[in-house]
mmCIF file of all heavy atoms, coordinates in Angstrom:
data_MODEL
# 
_entry.id   MODEL 
# 
loop_
_atom_site.group_PDB 
_atom_site.id 
_atom_site.type_symbol 
_atom_site.label_atom_id 
_atom_site.label_alt_id 
_atom_site.label_comp_id 
_atom_site.label_asym_id 
_atom_site.label_entity_id 
_atom_site.label_seq_id 
_atom_site.pdbx_PDB_ins_code 
_atom_site.Cartn_x 
_atom_site.Cartn_y 
_atom_site.Cartn_z 
_atom_site.occupancy 
_atom_site.B_iso_or_equiv 
_atom_site.pdbx_formal_charge 
_atom_site.auth_seq_id 
_atom_site.auth_comp_id 
_atom_site.auth_asym_id 
_atom_site.auth_atom_id 
_atom_site.pdbx_PDB_model_num 
ATOM 1   N N   . ILE A 1 1  ? 0.836  -1.202 0.000   1.00 0.00 ? 1  ILE A N   1 
ATOM 2   C CA  . ILE A 1 1  ? 0.000  0.000  0.000   1.00 0.00 ? 1  ILE A CA  1 
ATOM 3   C C   . ILE A 1 1  ? 0.871  1.252  0.000   1.00 0.00 ? 1  ILE A C   1 
ATOM 4   O O   . ILE A 1 1  ? 0.619  2.194  -0.748  1.00 0.00 ? 1  ILE A O   1 
ATOM 5   C CB  . ILE A 1 1  ? -0.962 -0.011 1.209   1.00 0.00 ? 1  ILE A CB  1 
ATOM 6   C CG1 . ILE A 1 1  ? -2.018 -1.097 1.007   1.00 0.00 ? 1  ILE A CG1 1 
ATOM 7   C CG2 . ILE A 1 1  ? -1.609 1.354  1.421   1.00 0.00 ? 1  ILE A CG2 1 
ATOM 8   C CD1 . ILE A 1 1  ? -2.834 -1.408 2.243   1.00 0.00 ? 1  ILE A CD1 1 
ATOM 9   N N   . ILE A 1 2  ? 1.903  1.254  0.821   1.00 0.00 ? 2  ILE A N   1 
ATOM 10  C CA  . ILE A 1 2  ? 2.798  2.419  0.871   1.00 0.00 ? 2  ILE A CA  1 
ATOM 11  C C   . ILE A 1 2  ? 3.509  2.588  -0.463  1.00 0.00 ? 2  ILE A C   1 
ATOM 12  O O   . ILE A 1 2  ? 3.599  3.697  -0.994  1.00 0.00 ? 2  ILE A O   1 
ATOM 13  C CB  . ILE A 1 2  ? 3.812  2.283  2.017   1.00 0.00 ? 2  ILE A CB  1 
ATOM 14  C CG1 . ILE A 1 2  ? 3.083  2.389  3.358   1.00 0.00 ? 2  ILE A CG1 1 
ATOM 15  C CG2 . ILE A 1 2  ? 4.901  3.350  1.916   1.00 0.00 ? 2  ILE A CG2 1 
ATOM 16  C CD1 . ILE A 1 2  ? 3.942  2.028  4.547   1.00 0.00 ? 2  ILE A CD1 1 
ATOM 17  N N   . THR A 1 3  ? 4.004  1.497  -1.031  1.00 0.00 ? 3  THR A N   1 
ATOM 18  C CA  . THR A 1 3  ? 4.722  1.568  -2.304  1.00 0.00 ? 3  THR A CA  1 
ATOM 19  C C   . THR A 1 3  ? 3.816  2.076  -3.409  1.00 0.00 ? 3  THR A C   1 
ATOM 20  O O   . THR A 1 3  ? 4.204  2.941  -4.189  1.00 0.00 ? 3  THR A O   1 
ATOM 21  C CB  . THR A 1 3  ? 5.303  0.188  -2.675  1.00 0.00 ? 3  THR A CB  1 
ATOM 22  O OG1 . THR A 1 3  ? 6.186  -0.220 -1.636  1.00 0.00 ? 3  THR A OG1 1 
ATOM 23  C CG2 . THR A 1 3  ? 6.051  0.242  -3.990  1.00 0.00 ? 3  THR A CG2 1 
ATOM 24  N N   . VAL A 1 4  ? 2.588  1.557  -3.490  1.00 0.00 ? 4  VAL A N   1 
ATOM 25  C CA  . VAL A 1 4  ? 1.651  2.007  -4.518  1.00 0.00 ? 4  VAL A CA  1 
ATOM 26  C C   . VAL A 1 4  ? 1.352  3.490  -4.326  1.00 0.00 ? 4  VAL A C   1 
ATOM 27  O O   . VAL A 1 4  ? 1.317  4.260  -5.283  1.00 0.00 ? 4  VAL A O   1 
ATOM 28  C CB  . VAL A 1 4  ? 0.354  1.165  -4.490  1.00 0.00 ? 4  VAL A CB  1 
ATOM 29  C CG1 . VAL A 1 4  ? -0.733 1.792  -5.348  1.00 0.00 ? 4  VAL A CG1 1 
ATOM 30  C CG2 . VAL A 1 4  ? 0.652  -0.249 -4.959  1.00 0.00 ? 4  VAL A CG2 1 
ATOM 31  N N   . GLY A 1 5  ? 1.171  3.898  -3.081  1.00 0.00 ? 5  GLY A N   1 
ATOM 32  C CA  . GLY A 1 5  ? 0.931  5.317  -2.808  1.00 0.00 ? 5  GLY A CA  1 
ATOM 33  C C   . GLY A 1 5  ? 2.102  6.186  -3.220  1.00 0.00 ? 5  GLY A C   1 
ATOM 34  O O   . GLY A 1 5  ? 1.931  7.262  -3.791  1.00 0.00 ? 5  GLY A O   1 
ATOM 35  N N   . VAL A 1 6  ? 3.311  5.715  -2.949  1.00 0.00 ? 6  VAL A N   1 
ATOM 36  C CA  . VAL A 1 6  ? 4.518  6.454  -3.328  1.00 0.00 ? 6  VAL A CA  1 
ATOM 37  C C   . VAL A 1 6  ? 4.613  6.554  -4.842  1.00 0.00 ? 6  VAL A C   1 
ATOM 38  O O   . VAL A 1 6  ? 4.853  7.611  -5.408  1.00 0.00 ? 6  VAL A O   1 
ATOM 39  C CB  . VAL A 1 6  ? 5.787  5.791  -2.738  1.00 0.00 ? 6  VAL A CB  1 
ATOM 40  C CG1 . VAL A 1 6  ? 7.041  6.312  -3.406  1.00 0.00 ? 6  VAL A CG1 1 
ATOM 41  C CG2 . VAL A 1 6  ? 5.849  6.023  -1.243  1.00 0.00 ? 6  VAL A CG2 1 
ATOM 42  N N   . LEU A 1 7  ? 4.379  5.433  -5.528  1.00 0.00 ? 7  LEU A N   1 
ATOM 43  C CA  . LEU A 1 7  ? 4.487  5.421  -6.984  1.00 0.00 ? 7  LEU A CA  1 
ATOM 44  C C   . LEU A 1 7  ? 3.356  6.194  -7.645  1.00 0.00 ? 7  LEU A C   1 
ATOM 45  O O   . LEU A 1 7  ? 3.554  6.817  -8.686  1.00 0.00 ? 7  LEU A O   1 
ATOM 46  C CB  . LEU A 1 7  ? 4.532  3.984  -7.499  1.00 0.00 ? 7  LEU A CB  1 
ATOM 47  C CG  . LEU A 1 7  ? 5.769  3.192  -7.087  1.00 0.00 ? 7  LEU A CG  1 
ATOM 48  C CD1 . LEU A 1 7  ? 5.669  1.761  -7.586  1.00 0.00 ? 7  LEU A CD1 1 
ATOM 49  C CD2 . LEU A 1 7  ? 7.036  3.855  -7.598  1.00 0.00 ? 7  LEU A CD2 1 
ATOM 50  N N   . ALA A 1 8  ? 2.168  6.175  -7.053  1.00 0.00 ? 8  ALA A N   1 
ATOM 51  C CA  . ALA A 1 8  ? 1.034  6.895  -7.613  1.00 0.00 ? 8  ALA A CA  1 
ATOM 52  C C   . ALA A 1 8  ? 1.306  8.396  -7.651  1.00 0.00 ? 8  ALA A C   1 
ATOM 53  O O   . ALA A 1 8  ? 0.895  9.091  -8.577  1.00 0.00 ? 8  ALA A O   1 
ATOM 54  C CB  . ALA A 1 8  ? -0.228 6.613  -6.818  1.00 0.00 ? 8  ALA A CB  1 
ATOM 55  N N   . GLY A 1 9  ? 2.014  8.874  -6.656  1.00 0.00 ? 9  GLY A N   1 
ATOM 56  C CA  . GLY A 1 9  ? 2.334  10.298 -6.629  1.00 0.00 ? 9  GLY A CA  1 
ATOM 57  C C   . GLY A 1 9  ? 3.582  10.652 -7.411  1.00 0.00 ? 9  GLY A C   1 
ATOM 58  O O   . GLY A 1 9  ? 3.945  11.817 -7.506  1.00 0.00 ? 9  GLY A O   1 
ATOM 59  N N   . ALA A 1 10 ? 4.241  9.665  -7.990  1.00 0.00 ? 10 ALA A N   1 
ATOM 60  C CA  . ALA A 1 10 ? 5.515  9.904  -8.663  1.00 0.00 ? 10 ALA A CA  1 
ATOM 61  C C   . ALA A 1 10 ? 5.401  10.856 -9.835  1.00 0.00 ? 10 ALA A C   1 
ATOM 62  O O   . ALA A 1 10 ? 6.226  11.750 -10.002 1.00 0.00 ? 10 ALA A O   1 
ATOM 63  C CB  . ALA A 1 10 ? 6.144  8.588  -9.114  1.00 0.00 ? 10 ALA A CB  1 
ATOM 64  N N   . SER A 1 11 ? 4.373  10.695 -10.664 1.00 0.00 ? 11 SER A N   1 
ATOM 65  C CA  . SER A 1 11 ? 4.262  11.567 -11.835 1.00 0.00 ? 11 SER A CA  1 
ATOM 66  C C   . SER A 1 11 ? 4.021  13.008 -11.423 1.00 0.00 ? 11 SER A C   1 
ATOM 67  O O   . SER A 1 11 ? 4.601  13.939 -11.982 1.00 0.00 ? 11 SER A O   1 
ATOM 68  C CB  . SER A 1 11 ? 3.161  11.077 -12.774 1.00 0.00 ? 11 SER A CB  1 
ATOM 69  O OG  . SER A 1 11 ? 1.917  11.105 -12.111 1.00 0.00 ? 11 SER A OG  1 
ATOM 70  N N   . THR A 1 12 ? 3.178  13.211 -10.422 1.00 0.00 ? 12 THR A N   1 
ATOM 71  C CA  . THR A 1 12 ? 2.936  14.556 -9.917  1.00 0.00 ? 12 THR A CA  1 
ATOM 72  C C   . THR A 1 12 ? 4.201  15.120 -9.289  1.00 0.00 ? 12 THR A C   1 
ATOM 73  O O   . THR A 1 12 ? 4.555  16.280 -9.501  1.00 0.00 ? 12 THR A O   1 
ATOM 74  C CB  . THR A 1 12 ? 1.816  14.528 -8.861  1.00 0.00 ? 12 THR A CB  1 
ATOM 75  O OG1 . THR A 1 12 ? 0.666  13.933 -9.432  1.00 0.00 ? 12 THR A OG1 1 
ATOM 76  C CG2 . THR A 1 12 ? 1.490  15.911 -8.371  1.00 0.00 ? 12 THR A CG2 1 
ATOM 77  N N   . ARG A 1 13 ? 4.921  14.286 -8.535  1.00 0.00 ? 13 ARG A N   1 
ATOM 78  C CA  . ARG A 1 13 ? 6.140  14.722 -7.868  1.00 0.00 ? 13 ARG A CA  1 
ATOM 79  C C   . ARG A 1 13 ? 7.237  15.056 -8.865  1.00 0.00 ? 13 ARG A C   1 
ATOM 80  O O   . ARG A 1 13 ? 8.012  15.961 -8.633  1.00 0.00 ? 13 ARG A O   1 
ATOM 81  C CB  . ARG A 1 13 ? 6.641  13.653 -6.903  1.00 0.00 ? 13 ARG A CB  1 
ATOM 82  C CG  . ARG A 1 13 ? 5.740  13.401 -5.743  1.00 0.00 ? 13 ARG A CG  1 
ATOM 83  C CD  . ARG A 1 13 ? 5.844  14.519 -4.768  1.00 0.00 ? 13 ARG A CD  1 
ATOM 84  N NE  . ARG A 1 13 ? 5.044  14.219 -3.605  1.00 0.00 ? 13 ARG A NE  1 
ATOM 85  C CZ  . ARG A 1 13 ? 5.040  14.941 -2.533  1.00 0.00 ? 13 ARG A CZ  1 
ATOM 86  N NH1 . ARG A 1 13 ? 5.776  16.010 -2.441  1.00 0.00 ? 13 ARG A NH1 1 
ATOM 87  N NH2 . ARG A 1 13 ? 4.282  14.613 -1.520  1.00 0.00 ? 13 ARG A NH2 1 
ATOM 88  N N   . CYS A 1 14 ? 7.317  14.284 -9.969  1.00 0.00 ? 14 CYS A N   1 
ATOM 89  C CA  . CYS A 1 14 ? 8.363  14.562 -10.962 1.00 0.00 ? 14 CYS A CA  1 
ATOM 90  C C   . CYS A 1 14 ? 8.216  15.978 -11.510 1.00 0.00 ? 14 CYS A C   1 
ATOM 91  O O   . CYS A 1 14 ? 9.190  16.702 -11.655 1.00 0.00 ? 14 CYS A O   1 
ATOM 92  C CB  . CYS A 1 14 ? 8.316  13.542 -12.100 1.00 0.00 ? 14 CYS A CB  1 
ATOM 93  S SG  . CYS A 1 14 ? 8.929  11.925 -11.608 1.00 0.00 ? 14 CYS A SG  1 
ATOM 94  N N   . ALA A 1 15 ? 6.996  16.367 -11.805 1.00 0.00 ? 15 ALA A N   1 
ATOM 95  C CA  . ALA A 1 15 ? 6.763  17.720 -12.296 1.00 0.00 ? 15 ALA A CA  1 
ATOM 96  C C   . ALA A 1 15 ? 7.091  18.741 -11.208 1.00 0.00 ? 15 ALA A C   1 
ATOM 97  O O   . ALA A 1 15 ? 7.658  19.795 -11.472 1.00 0.00 ? 15 ALA A O   1 
ATOM 98  C CB  . ALA A 1 15 ? 5.316  17.878 -12.741 1.00 0.00 ? 15 ALA A CB  1 
ATOM 99  N N   . ALA A 1 16 ? 6.751  18.407 -9.975  1.00 0.00 ? 16 ALA A N   1 
ATOM 100 C CA  . ALA A 1 16 ? 6.993  19.316 -8.867  1.00 0.00 ? 16 ALA A CA  1 
ATOM 101 C C   . ALA A 1 16 ? 8.474  19.433 -8.534  1.00 0.00 ? 16 ALA A C   1 
ATOM 102 O O   . ALA A 1 16 ? 8.916  20.447 -8.008  1.00 0.00 ? 16 ALA A O   1 
ATOM 103 C CB  . ALA A 1 16 ? 6.226  18.854 -7.633  1.00 0.00 ? 16 ALA A CB  1 
ATOM 104 N N   . GLN A 1 17 ? 9.259  18.407 -8.844  1.00 0.00 ? 17 GLN A N   1 
ATOM 105 C CA  . GLN A 1 17 ? 10.682 18.434 -8.533  1.00 0.00 ? 17 GLN A CA  1 
ATOM 106 C C   . GLN A 1 17 ? 11.391 19.590 -9.227  1.00 0.00 ? 17 GLN A C   1 
ATOM 107 O O   . GLN A 1 17 ? 12.342 20.145 -8.704  1.00 0.00 ? 17 GLN A O   1 
ATOM 108 C CB  . GLN A 1 17 ? 11.354 17.116 -8.931  1.00 0.00 ? 17 GLN A CB  1 
ATOM 109 C CG  . GLN A 1 17 ? 11.018 15.969 -8.017  1.00 0.00 ? 17 GLN A CG  1 
ATOM 110 C CD  . GLN A 1 17 ? 11.348 16.299 -6.580  1.00 0.00 ? 17 GLN A CD  1 
ATOM 111 O OE1 . GLN A 1 17 ? 12.480 16.591 -6.251  1.00 0.00 ? 17 GLN A OE1 1 
ATOM 112 N NE2 . GLN A 1 17 ? 10.350 16.251 -5.719  1.00 0.00 ? 17 GLN A NE2 1 
ATOM 113 N N   . ALA A 1 18 ? 10.930 19.939 -10.400 1.00 0.00 ? 18 ALA A N   1 
ATOM 114 C CA  . ALA A 1 18 ? 11.548 21.034 -11.132 1.00 0.00 ? 18 ALA A CA  1 
ATOM 115 C C   . ALA A 1 18 ? 11.435 22.338 -10.350 1.00 0.00 ? 18 ALA A C   1 
ATOM 116 O O   . ALA A 1 18 ? 12.253 23.230 -10.503 1.00 0.00 ? 18 ALA A O   1 
ATOM 117 C CB  . ALA A 1 18 ? 10.902 21.175 -12.502 1.00 0.00 ? 18 ALA A CB  1 
ATOM 118 N N   . THR A 1 19 ? 10.420 22.434 -9.501  1.00 0.00 ? 19 THR A N   1 
ATOM 119 C CA  . THR A 1 19 ? 10.236 23.652 -8.722  1.00 0.00 ? 19 THR A CA  1 
ATOM 120 C C   . THR A 1 19 ? 10.759 23.510 -7.296  1.00 0.00 ? 19 THR A C   1 
ATOM 121 O O   . THR A 1 19 ? 10.558 24.390 -6.474  1.00 0.00 ? 19 THR A O   1 
ATOM 122 C CB  . THR A 1 19 ? 8.741  24.036 -8.683  1.00 0.00 ? 19 THR A CB  1 
ATOM 123 O OG1 . THR A 1 19 ? 8.012  22.970 -8.059  1.00 0.00 ? 19 THR A OG1 1 
ATOM 124 C CG2 . THR A 1 19 ? 8.205  24.291 -10.070 1.00 0.00 ? 19 THR A CG2 1 
ATOM 125 N N   . GLY A 1 20 ? 11.399 22.391 -6.981  1.00 0.00 ? 20 GLY A N   1 
ATOM 126 C CA  . GLY A 1 20 ? 11.986 22.216 -5.658  1.00 0.00 ? 20 GLY A CA  1 
ATOM 127 C C   . GLY A 1 20 ? 11.008 21.744 -4.602  1.00 0.00 ? 20 GLY A C   1 
ATOM 128 O O   . GLY A 1 20 ? 11.178 22.044 -3.433  1.00 0.00 ? 20 GLY A O   1 
ATOM 129 N N   . ALA A 1 21 ? 9.977  20.993 -5.006  1.00 0.00 ? 21 ALA A N   1 
ATOM 130 C CA  . ALA A 1 21 ? 8.982  20.506 -4.052  1.00 0.00 ? 21 ALA A CA  1 
ATOM 131 C C   . ALA A 1 21 ? 9.551  19.380 -3.188  1.00 0.00 ? 21 ALA A C   1 
ATOM 132 O O   . ALA A 1 21 ? 10.616 18.841 -3.464  1.00 0.00 ? 21 ALA A O   1 
ATOM 133 C CB  . ALA A 1 21 ? 7.745  20.022 -4.802  1.00 0.00 ? 21 ALA A CB  1 
ATOM 134 N N   . GLU A 1 22 ? 8.801  19.012 -2.170  1.00 0.00 ? 22 GLU A N   1 
ATOM 135 C CA  . GLU A 1 22 ? 9.227  17.978 -1.235  1.00 0.00 ? 22 GLU A CA  1 
ATOM 136 C C   . GLU A 1 22 ? 9.169  16.590 -1.868  1.00 0.00 ? 22 GLU A C   1 
ATOM 137 O O   . GLU A 1 22 ? 8.394  16.354 -2.788  1.00 0.00 ? 22 GLU A O   1 
ATOM 138 C CB  . GLU A 1 22 ? 8.331  18.014 -0.002  1.00 0.00 ? 22 GLU A CB  1 
ATOM 139 C CG  . GLU A 1 22 ? 8.462  19.308 0.761   1.00 0.00 ? 22 GLU A CG  1 
ATOM 140 C CD  . GLU A 1 22 ? 7.507  19.404 1.934   1.00 0.00 ? 22 GLU A CD  1 
ATOM 141 O OE1 . GLU A 1 22 ? 6.472  18.704 1.945   1.00 0.00 ? 22 GLU A OE1 1 
ATOM 142 O OE2 . GLU A 1 22 ? 7.800  20.185 2.844   1.00 0.00 ? 22 GLU A OE2 1 
ATOM 143 N N   . VAL A 1 23 ? 10.005 15.685 -1.344  1.00 0.00 ? 23 VAL A N   1 
ATOM 144 C CA  . VAL A 1 23 ? 10.039 14.290 -1.782  1.00 0.00 ? 23 VAL A CA  1 
ATOM 145 C C   . VAL A 1 23 ? 9.880  13.413 -0.545  1.00 0.00 ? 23 VAL A C   1 
ATOM 146 O O   . VAL A 1 23 ? 10.488 13.669 0.491   1.00 0.00 ? 23 VAL A O   1 
ATOM 147 C CB  . VAL A 1 23 ? 11.371 13.941 -2.487  1.00 0.00 ? 23 VAL A CB  1 
ATOM 148 C CG1 . VAL A 1 23 ? 11.366 12.506 -2.977  1.00 0.00 ? 23 VAL A CG1 1 
ATOM 149 C CG2 . VAL A 1 23 ? 11.648 14.899 -3.628  1.00 0.00 ? 23 VAL A CG2 1 
ATOM 150 N N   . VAL A 1 24 ? 9.053  12.371 -0.653  1.00 0.00 ? 24 VAL A N   1 
ATOM 151 C CA  . VAL A 1 24 ? 8.823  11.447 0.450   1.00 0.00 ? 24 VAL A CA  1 
ATOM 152 C C   . VAL A 1 24 ? 9.649  10.186 0.215   1.00 0.00 ? 24 VAL A C   1 
ATOM 153 O O   . VAL A 1 24 ? 9.660  9.637  -0.890  1.00 0.00 ? 24 VAL A O   1 
ATOM 154 C CB  . VAL A 1 24 ? 7.325  11.084 0.571   1.00 0.00 ? 24 VAL A CB  1 
ATOM 155 C CG1 . VAL A 1 24 ? 7.089  10.101 1.703   1.00 0.00 ? 24 VAL A CG1 1 
ATOM 156 C CG2 . VAL A 1 24 ? 6.489  12.338 0.770   1.00 0.00 ? 24 VAL A CG2 1 
# 
């Protein structure tokens, strides 16, 4: 469940990484 949750947010996080957003 944790892994799926982490991976589900990956695409959103990848875009956010360009702006320096947080990573879990």
